[in-house]
Every structure is written in C-alpha cells, then in structure tokens.
Amino acid sequence: MSALFSLVAVYALVCALHKQIKKYTSVCYLGSACVSAAVVCVVWSGATEGNFGVRVLLHPLTSASFSTAIFTFVMCASVLKNGLLKQRVMGLRAELSITAAILTLGHNIAHGRDYLVRLCGSPGDLSTGFLVAGAVSMVLVLLMSILAVTSFKVVRRRMGAKTWKRVQRLAYLFYGLTYVHLSFILLPTALRGYIPSVISYVLYTVIFATYALLRVRKALGKRKGACALCSAAVAVSFVAFVLGASHMVRHTRRAHTERTTRAKARKCSPAEMKDGVYEASAQGHNGKLSLRVTISQGRIEAVTVVGHSDDDPYASWAVEGVSAAIVGAQSTDVDVVSEATSTSEAIIRAVEKILQQPQP
C-alpha cells in the first residue's frame, strides 16, 4: 500500500512545488539528507518497534517506497505524451534523481548494517531470495551513485555531452535491476497472501512493463509496421498480466484457506511432553527462525524467539503476538499476523516440531 501512497504523494508534490524544487535545490537536497539521517537513527534505535503510528508514518521512507516513486516518475517522464506532467517532471529530472538518491541512501544505510551482520555472521540462515536481493541492492547503490553524481550540473558540464549521455544510459540497467530487486522483496509475501504486497507488486509490474514497452516503441521511431507490432505486444502483454495477476490473487486466497484448514486440523498438545527447554527452527521470509519452548507440568510456559532474519517491519508483531497466542491457547491452532505471514508461520512450524517430538 505504501507504493500507491508514495506515487500519489510524489505526484502531488511535483504538481504543487515544481517551481520551489527548481529554485531551492540546495534546500531540497539538505532536507532530503536530514530525512535520511532521521530514518537511519529511527531504524537503528528501534523506535518503530511496538509503535504502530510511527511505523506506518515512516514506512514509505524506511522501505524506500517514496524514493522509488520519485525514480518512477523520472523514469516514465521520457515516454509520457506531451502534457503538463511531462513538462514539469522533465524540467526536474536531475533534481528529482538526486533527491531520490539521497533518500534511498538513508534506506540502504538503515537496513544495510543488519544485512551485513547477518551475511558475515550466519549466511547459511539467509534465504536465497534475500541474498540475491541484497546483492542486487549493492549493484543498484553503485549505479545510483554514478547517475546521481553525474546529474549535478557542474559535473555534467565538465564531462561533455557525449560522455554524459553514455553514462546516463546506465539508467536503463538501474531501472531493470530495481524491478528485479522489488520482485525478490515483494513476490514471496505476495504469494503467501499478504494483500499490500500483492497490490504493490502488481502496481510496480504494470508501471515497469508499460515503461519498457513504450520505451521500445519510442526507440523504433516512426516505422508504422514496428509501431503496430509494438502496440499489439503491449495489448497482449497487458491481457497476459491481468490473467496472471488474477491467478496470483486466486492462488493467495486458496493458500490462505488451506493454511487455515491445516491449522484447524492440527492437534499438537504439550500435555505429554517432559519438563524442559526445547529448541527448533523453521524457514521464515528471509531465512531461518530459531526459538525455544519451555514446557512445565504439561504446559507451554514460554515461547522465545532467539533469532530470525526477517526484516519485515511487522515481523516483531508476529514474534510477540504469535508467541503469546500459542502460550495462551496451549496450542499452535492460532491466527497468524496478516502483516507478517511468513514469520508467523515459521513460529508455528517450529513449535509444532517440538510438540511432535517423540517422547521416551
């Protein structure tokens, strides 16, 4: 949902403040740097943990949805039809690109520390998708830095027009890898039925696919046959995507129903367990989740998550909520936290492993 909100917010800001952004670029860059620094401080201090209002308010910034929305407008400006929006964005492409890069760096620094700690400490606990997303992110930071630095007028003048244009062609690679990165981040949770991820992934796919097709069509120029073929490809691709998106939504609903049915059918009881502390692990969204279950007098006294690799902003809700629910119900037949389905299910699976252990 933050993707949709960010796109609307950026559109409103560009339409309302395009003159001010052009006139006060230094203030815009300084403000973006301050916002990035604030995001880093908030994430590192853990201020968003347990605070729903702060978490929701800052999510477009901490998740880089807002800066991605800015890059999206910069990307699409060149293929838009002549109009007011195209004029305003094209006149601000350099300023918007630099602003988005500064905001994105805040996101990278805020979450990059935890990624590097996990990568250096226990890379085997991280999922393949998470590792690929991290590797792609590093390449994106390098490309973004090059494109942002060369967007400054003083650098552009010294480079010369031909050299500058060659460097700016890296933007196409940057846009493509951005979609790859978004896919690895959003698709796993979208396929598990998390509706905000479904909406964001569908939205990004429509935007990036449309841009790619229009970009190709523009490159083909005025060749009527090629343009007609490209238009047909756009139509076919759109229909195919609508069908694919519909299938994905049906799949997520069916998966959710199956999970609910399996949860109701499970009969895991601690009554026959010996007293003690048991450990188990299960696969979460980004990697392995480990926990301990304390059994005393046939009851679950505590469920303690000792380590997990999920960096979803709502993962802590699952760690706290699902663990407490299992203790309260004395069973794994509990509801998952919809915002953190993968983490919730990992906790439930790990506890089930313990409760299903054969007793001597």
Foldseek 3Di string as FASTA:
>chain_A
DLLVVLLVVVLVCLVPCLVVCVVPLVVLLVVLLVVLVVLLVCLVVVVLPPPPVVCVVCVCQLVLSNLVSLLLLLLCLVLDDDDDSSVSCVVCSLSSLLSSLSSVVSNCNNCVVLVVCCCVPPVQFFDPLLVVLVVLVVVLNVLSVQLNVCSDPVNVVVCDDVSSVVSVVCVVVNLVSVLVSLCSVLVVLLLQQLVVSLVNNLVSVLSSVVSVLSVVLVVVPPPVVVNVVSVVVNVVVVVVSVVVSVVSNVSNVVNVVVVLVVLVVDDQFQQPPDFDKDKFWFAFSTGIWIWIWGDDNRATPFIATPDDDDPQSCLSVLRPVQRVVCRVVNGLSDDGDSSRRRSNVGSSVGVSVVSPDDDD
